[in-house]
Amino acid sequence: MGLIGLLIAGCTSPAVPPTPSTVVPTYTPIPTIPRLSYPHTPTPPHSHVPAVPTSRPTSTVPPTVTRLLPTATSIASSGGVTITVLYDNNAYDERLETAWGFSCLVEGPEKRILFDTGGDGGSESEGGSESEGRLLRNMRALAVDPQDVDVIVISHVHGDHVGGLAGFLRENHAVTVYLPQSFPESIKDATRDAGAELVEVHGPVEICEHVISTGELGTLSSAPWLKEQALVVETSRGLVVITGCAHPGIVDIVRQAKTLADGEVYLVLGGFHLGGTSAVEVHSIVEEFQQLGVQRVAPCHCSGDTARRLFGEAYGDDFIPVGVGSRVQVAD
């Protein structure tokens, strides 16, 4: 059975699909493996929703923690850190396709990191012909070369975050893939069979210098198998926390990031898993963010319109309304 065929029903999506947001001009857009199956996050009603070559075998790398504290100097590149949203259900760049899911590219650290792969990896027919998925089409529209990616980090097993992995590995299998240890063995095997190096993540682990994974978080009683990792990037301005769906709780993830990296949080970007959450609850979460010292926020994907609106009201100019094609720069 292929990689994507093993996905379990995903996170609850908002009852009303996100609507395209108007984005401030500060953040301008830049001008498959046999087909696998994964648990899929249900697509919101009326939303636009819109396979591994054989190669070198590699061994699984055991999770290690070589450094969790910030180094003396944060990301030393002159451009700081750039995060480009490649797949999202919120519109931004009209050239790109929106679909339920999330993926972003992190540049600036020593390795280029693809965080999550969206929900559509295309397909490969028995005759060998392929159809390219939305992730790769959006990358090409943004002039992002898949061959430039060094590392893939998958937050959790839902299909709207891992569904594009198969198609990407058909394009570039010379990558290291960090999967939560709780993933089904067949997904891990298919990743290895694609020729990628696999790292199973349980505890916190260093991805590369200045970038760590929180390790597997979450103990949902309704889904004890659902674990999720988030990405923490150290910058000269503080920590950048990137989340896929924040199933373990967005506040808990932020707290974990602060503890692991022993620093203050400059930006939290990604899915906050607040679609359908009441305004009262969202207000409380906003207050907790402020108490934790989070300076800027960029909720997208499963965050929900209410949360995006209330975070926007509370954070003002420090709210970044991202969507597919947004580029967020954290300058040194």
Protein backbone atom coordinates (compact mmCIF):
# COMPACT_ATOMS: atom_id res chain seq x y z
CA MET A 1 0.00 0.00 0.00
CA GLY A 2 1.37 3.46 -0.82
CA LEU A 3 2.43 6.25 1.55
CA ILE A 4 -0.60 8.45 1.31
CA GLY A 5 -3.14 5.64 1.56
CA LEU A 6 -2.60 5.32 5.28
CA LEU A 7 -3.93 8.60 6.58
CA ILE A 8 -6.50 8.78 9.36
CA ALA A 9 -9.36 11.26 9.37
CA GLY A 10 -7.89 14.64 10.05
CA CYS A 11 -8.52 17.65 12.19
CA THR A 12 -11.92 19.29 12.27
CA SER A 13 -12.06 22.07 9.73
CA PRO A 14 -14.03 25.27 10.20
CA ALA A 15 -17.71 25.09 9.34
CA VAL A 16 -17.28 28.05 7.02
CA PRO A 17 -14.31 28.08 4.66
CA PRO A 18 -11.71 30.78 5.07
CA THR A 19 -12.18 33.73 2.76
CA PRO A 20 -9.33 35.36 0.88
CA SER A 21 -7.71 37.99 3.03
CA THR A 22 -6.46 41.40 2.04
CA VAL A 23 -2.78 41.47 2.81
CA VAL A 24 -0.77 44.49 3.81
CA PRO A 25 1.77 45.50 1.19
CA THR A 26 4.69 45.05 3.61
CA TYR A 27 4.80 41.33 2.86
CA THR A 28 4.99 41.01 -0.90
CA PRO A 29 4.86 37.70 -2.72
CA ILE A 30 7.92 36.57 -4.58
CA PRO A 31 7.88 37.41 -8.23
CA THR A 32 5.20 11.95 -7.15
CA ILE A 33 6.74 7.57 -5.09
CA PRO A 34 3.71 5.38 -5.73
CA ARG A 35 0.79 7.53 -4.75
CA LEU A 36 0.54 7.54 -0.98
CA SER A 37 -2.55 7.90 1.18
CA TYR A 38 -2.80 9.49 4.59
CA PRO A 39 -5.48 10.42 7.08
CA HIS A 40 -7.02 13.54 5.69
CA THR A 41 -8.33 16.64 7.35
CA PRO A 42 -11.89 17.21 6.11
CA THR A 43 -12.09 20.08 3.69
CA PRO A 44 -14.39 22.92 4.69
CA PRO A 45 -17.59 23.14 2.65
CA HIS A 46 -17.23 25.15 -0.54
CA SER A 47 -13.50 25.61 -0.10
CA HIS A 48 -11.24 25.50 -3.12
CA VAL A 49 -9.61 22.13 -3.06
CA PRO A 50 -8.57 22.80 -5.82
CA ALA A 51 3.70 7.75 -5.47
CA VAL A 52 8.43 6.84 -4.79
CA PRO A 53 11.16 6.01 -7.37
CA THR A 54 13.47 3.24 -6.37
CA SER A 55 16.92 4.45 -5.33
CA ARG A 56 19.54 4.21 -2.66
CA PRO A 57 18.44 2.55 0.58
CA THR A 58 19.19 4.49 3.73
CA SER A 59 19.00 3.69 7.38
CA THR A 60 16.79 5.38 9.90
CA VAL A 61 18.69 7.92 11.98
CA PRO A 62 17.84 7.76 15.68
CA PRO A 63 16.54 10.97 17.22
CA THR A 64 19.20 12.91 19.07
CA VAL A 65 19.39 16.18 20.90
CA THR A 66 22.76 17.78 20.31
CA ARG A 67 21.87 21.33 21.28
CA LEU A 68 18.70 22.91 22.57
CA LEU A 69 20.01 26.22 23.85
CA PRO A 70 20.62 29.22 21.60
CA THR A 71 24.15 29.69 20.36
CA ALA A 72 26.07 32.89 20.99
CA THR A 73 25.02 34.28 17.64
CA SER A 74 21.70 33.64 15.94
CA ILE A 75 21.29 33.08 12.22
CA ALA A 76 24.29 34.78 10.72
CA SER A 77 23.13 35.14 7.13
CA SER A 78 22.74 38.70 5.95
CA GLY A 79 19.12 38.12 5.01
CA GLY A 80 17.99 36.62 8.31
CA VAL A 81 15.16 34.13 7.93
CA THR A 82 12.57 34.03 5.15
CA ILE A 83 9.39 31.95 5.34
CA THR A 84 7.44 31.45 2.12
CA VAL A 85 3.96 29.93 2.33
CA LEU A 86 3.70 27.42 -0.52
CA TYR A 87 0.36 25.79 0.27
CA ASP A 88 -2.58 27.19 2.21
CA ASN A 89 -6.34 27.60 2.04
CA ASN A 90 -6.06 31.37 2.45
CA ALA A 91 -5.46 33.32 -0.75
CA TYR A 92 -2.66 35.84 -1.18
CA ASP A 93 -0.90 35.59 -4.54
CA GLU A 94 -3.54 35.27 -7.24
CA ARG A 95 -1.16 33.27 -9.45
CA LEU A 96 -1.23 30.40 -6.97
CA GLU A 97 -3.76 27.70 -6.15
CA THR A 98 -5.42 27.57 -2.75
CA ALA A 99 -6.38 24.27 -1.14
CA TRP A 100 -7.01 22.99 2.38
CA GLY A 101 -3.62 22.27 3.93
CA PHE A 102 -0.30 23.86 4.74
CA SER A 103 3.32 23.97 3.63
CA CYS A 104 6.05 26.56 3.90
CA LEU A 105 9.72 26.92 2.97
CA VAL A 106 12.19 28.17 5.57
CA GLU A 107 15.35 29.79 4.22
CA GLY A 108 18.22 31.45 6.07
CA PRO A 109 19.51 28.63 8.28
CA GLU A 110 22.31 26.45 6.91
CA LYS A 111 19.72 24.13 5.33
CA ARG A 112 16.59 24.93 3.35
CA ILE A 113 13.66 23.34 5.16
CA LEU A 114 10.29 22.39 3.71
CA PHE A 115 7.84 22.27 6.61
CA ASP A 116 4.83 20.11 5.71
CA THR A 117 3.83 19.34 2.12
CA GLY A 118 0.15 20.24 1.79
CA GLY A 119 -2.52 17.79 0.73
CA ASP A 120 -1.97 17.17 -2.96
CA GLY A 121 1.12 15.45 -4.32
CA GLY A 122 -0.21 14.64 -7.76
CA SER A 123 -0.35 11.07 -9.04
CA GLU A 124 1.61 8.50 -10.98
CA SER A 125 -0.22 6.18 -13.35
CA GLU A 126 0.67 2.56 -14.09
CA GLY A 127 1.99 3.67 -17.43
CA GLY A 128 4.52 5.93 -15.73
CA SER A 129 2.95 9.27 -16.59
CA GLU A 130 2.64 11.76 -13.75
CA SER A 131 0.37 14.62 -12.83
CA GLU A 132 2.01 17.30 -10.75
CA GLY A 133 0.37 18.32 -7.49
CA ARG A 134 -0.47 21.77 -6.22
CA LEU A 135 2.59 22.03 -4.01
CA LEU A 136 4.98 21.61 -6.92
CA ARG A 137 2.88 23.81 -9.20
CA ASN A 138 2.91 26.60 -6.62
CA MET A 139 6.65 26.19 -6.11
CA ARG A 140 7.27 26.53 -9.81
CA ALA A 141 5.04 29.61 -10.03
CA LEU A 142 7.17 31.18 -7.28
CA ALA A 143 10.42 30.10 -8.95
CA VAL A 144 11.24 27.86 -5.98
CA ASP A 145 13.34 24.91 -7.17
CA PRO A 146 12.46 21.63 -5.36
CA GLN A 147 16.08 20.56 -5.85
CA ASP A 148 17.17 23.34 -3.49
CA VAL A 149 15.35 21.76 -0.53
CA ASP A 150 17.64 19.93 1.91
CA VAL A 151 15.26 18.87 4.67
CA ILE A 152 11.56 18.05 5.02
CA VAL A 153 9.86 18.24 8.41
CA ILE A 154 6.33 16.82 8.65
CA SER A 155 4.32 18.09 11.60
CA HIS A 156 1.76 15.28 11.86
CA VAL A 157 0.09 12.45 9.99
CA HIS A 158 -2.99 14.24 8.59
CA GLY A 159 -3.22 14.20 4.82
CA ASP A 160 -3.43 17.96 4.38
CA HIS A 161 0.13 18.17 5.76
CA VAL A 162 1.80 14.99 4.48
CA GLY A 163 -0.23 14.42 1.31
CA GLY A 164 2.30 16.17 -0.94
CA LEU A 165 5.30 14.20 0.33
CA ALA A 166 5.05 11.46 -2.30
CA GLY A 167 4.99 13.87 -5.20
CA PHE A 168 7.84 15.91 -3.79
CA LEU A 169 10.06 12.86 -3.29
CA ARG A 170 9.49 11.87 -6.90
CA GLU A 171 10.94 15.27 -7.76
CA ASN A 172 13.74 15.33 -5.17
CA HIS A 173 14.52 12.33 -2.96
CA ALA A 174 17.98 13.59 -1.91
CA VAL A 175 16.58 15.02 1.31
CA THR A 176 16.40 14.15 4.99
CA VAL A 177 12.81 13.66 6.17
CA TYR A 178 11.91 14.17 9.84
CA LEU A 179 8.74 12.23 10.68
CA PRO A 180 7.13 11.84 14.11
CA GLN A 181 8.07 8.43 15.49
CA SER A 182 4.36 7.62 15.88
CA PHE A 183 3.83 7.52 12.09
CA PRO A 184 2.72 4.17 10.63
CA GLU A 185 5.62 1.95 9.65
CA SER A 186 4.38 1.77 6.06
CA ILE A 187 4.81 5.53 5.66
CA LYS A 188 8.31 5.33 7.08
CA ASP A 189 9.16 2.41 4.77
CA ALA A 190 7.81 4.21 1.72
CA THR A 191 9.87 7.28 2.59
CA ARG A 192 13.03 5.16 2.79
CA ASP A 193 12.10 3.34 -0.41
CA ALA A 194 11.88 6.70 -2.14
CA GLY A 195 15.58 7.17 -1.43
CA ALA A 196 15.21 9.77 1.31
CA GLU A 197 17.04 9.58 4.61
CA LEU A 198 14.56 9.15 7.45
CA VAL A 199 14.84 10.54 10.96
CA GLU A 200 12.17 9.40 13.41
CA VAL A 201 11.45 12.15 15.91
CA HIS A 202 10.28 11.47 19.43
CA GLY A 203 12.00 13.92 21.73
CA PRO A 204 13.37 17.35 20.80
CA VAL A 205 16.01 17.20 18.07
CA GLU A 206 18.27 19.63 16.29
CA ILE A 207 17.43 19.86 12.57
CA CYS A 208 20.43 22.03 11.79
CA GLU A 209 22.22 24.89 13.49
CA HIS A 210 19.67 27.34 14.96
CA VAL A 211 16.70 25.10 14.11
CA ILE A 212 15.11 22.51 16.42
CA SER A 213 12.02 20.35 16.50
CA THR A 214 9.92 20.37 19.64
CA GLY A 215 9.63 16.60 19.37
CA GLU A 216 6.31 14.80 19.50
CA LEU A 217 3.73 16.73 21.50
CA GLY A 218 0.11 15.98 22.39
CA THR A 219 -1.90 13.38 24.25
CA LEU A 220 -5.40 13.74 22.86
CA SER A 221 -7.70 11.25 24.58
CA SER A 222 -9.83 11.10 21.45
CA ALA A 223 -6.79 10.31 19.27
CA PRO A 224 -3.86 9.07 21.37
CA TRP A 225 -1.93 8.20 18.21
CA LEU A 226 -1.95 11.81 17.02
CA LYS A 227 1.38 13.41 17.86
CA GLU A 228 2.68 16.61 16.38
CA GLN A 229 6.02 18.39 16.14
CA ALA A 230 6.59 22.09 15.57
CA LEU A 231 9.65 23.92 14.26
CA VAL A 232 11.60 26.48 16.30
CA VAL A 233 14.06 28.79 14.55
CA GLU A 234 16.47 30.96 16.51
CA THR A 235 16.95 34.44 15.06
CA SER A 236 18.55 37.64 16.31
CA ARG A 237 15.04 38.99 16.99
CA GLY A 238 13.90 35.99 18.99
CA LEU A 239 12.36 32.61 18.31
CA VAL A 240 10.21 31.90 15.27
CA VAL A 241 7.72 29.08 15.97
CA ILE A 242 6.13 27.35 12.96
CA THR A 243 3.13 25.07 13.50
CA GLY A 244 1.21 22.74 11.21
CA CYS A 245 -2.15 22.38 12.97
CA ALA A 246 -1.30 22.87 16.66
CA HIS A 247 -3.40 19.88 17.76
CA PRO A 248 -1.56 19.78 21.12
CA GLY A 249 -2.68 23.38 21.75
CA ILE A 250 -1.05 26.47 20.29
CA VAL A 251 -0.30 27.98 23.72
CA ASP A 252 1.33 24.76 24.93
CA ILE A 253 3.48 24.65 21.79
CA VAL A 254 4.67 28.22 22.38
CA ARG A 255 5.50 27.40 25.99
CA GLN A 256 7.45 24.33 24.90
CA ALA A 257 9.40 26.38 22.35
CA LYS A 258 10.36 28.96 24.97
CA THR A 259 11.51 26.24 27.36
CA LEU A 260 13.50 24.25 24.78
CA ALA A 261 15.31 27.19 23.21
CA ASP A 262 15.44 29.33 26.37
CA GLY A 263 14.40 32.46 24.53
CA GLU A 264 11.61 34.90 23.83
CA VAL A 265 9.21 34.32 20.94
CA TYR A 266 9.31 36.85 18.14
CA LEU A 267 6.82 35.24 15.72
CA VAL A 268 4.33 32.36 15.67
CA LEU A 269 3.23 31.33 12.15
CA GLY A 270 1.05 28.51 10.85
CA GLY A 271 -2.12 26.68 11.78
CA PHE A 272 -3.44 27.52 15.26
CA HIS A 273 -6.31 24.97 15.14
CA LEU A 274 -8.90 27.49 16.29
CA GLY A 275 -11.47 27.17 13.50
CA GLY A 276 -14.89 26.99 15.16
CA THR A 277 -13.52 28.15 18.53
CA SER A 278 -15.66 30.73 20.31
CA ALA A 279 -14.62 34.36 20.44
CA VAL A 280 -14.37 34.11 24.23
CA GLU A 281 -11.89 31.24 24.00
CA VAL A 282 -9.89 32.98 21.30
CA HIS A 283 -9.70 36.15 23.42
CA SER A 284 -8.26 34.06 26.23
CA ILE A 285 -5.64 32.55 23.91
CA VAL A 286 -4.70 35.98 22.60
CA GLU A 287 -4.16 37.14 26.18
CA GLU A 288 -1.98 34.12 26.90
CA PHE A 289 0.11 34.91 23.82
CA GLN A 290 0.62 38.43 25.10
CA GLN A 291 1.51 37.20 28.58
CA LEU A 292 4.05 34.84 27.03
CA GLY A 293 5.60 37.81 25.23
CA VAL A 294 4.83 36.72 21.67
CA GLN A 295 5.66 39.78 19.58
CA ARG A 296 4.12 38.96 16.20
CA VAL A 297 1.57 36.46 14.90
CA ALA A 298 0.71 35.00 11.49
CA PRO A 299 -2.17 32.51 11.86
CA CYS A 300 -3.31 30.68 8.74
CA HIS A 301 -4.67 27.29 7.58
CA CYS A 302 -6.92 25.90 10.36
CA SER A 303 -6.79 29.02 12.54
CA GLY A 304 -10.24 30.17 11.44
CA ASP A 305 -11.60 33.57 10.49
CA THR A 306 -12.60 34.48 14.04
CA ALA A 307 -9.12 33.86 15.38
CA ARG A 308 -7.49 35.73 12.51
CA ARG A 309 -9.77 38.69 13.12
CA LEU A 310 -9.26 38.78 16.89
CA PHE A 311 -5.51 38.31 16.70
CA GLY A 312 -5.47 41.08 14.12
CA GLU A 313 -7.37 43.43 16.40
CA ALA A 314 -5.12 42.67 19.36
CA TYR A 315 -1.79 42.75 17.56
CA GLY A 316 -2.40 45.54 15.06
CA ASP A 317 0.65 46.10 12.91
CA ASP A 318 2.26 43.04 14.45
CA PHE A 319 -0.40 40.79 12.91
CA ILE A 320 0.69 39.32 9.57
CA PRO A 321 -2.24 38.15 7.40
CA VAL A 322 -0.52 35.39 5.46
CA GLY A 323 -1.83 33.14 2.71
CA VAL A 324 -0.42 31.04 -0.11
CA GLY A 325 2.48 32.92 -1.67
CA SER A 326 3.17 35.19 1.30
CA ARG A 327 6.79 35.77 2.14
CA VAL A 328 7.63 36.77 5.69
CA GLN A 329 11.14 38.03 6.36
CA VAL A 330 12.74 38.20 9.79
CA ALA A 331 15.71 40.44 9.21
CA ASP A 332 18.85 40.39 11.33
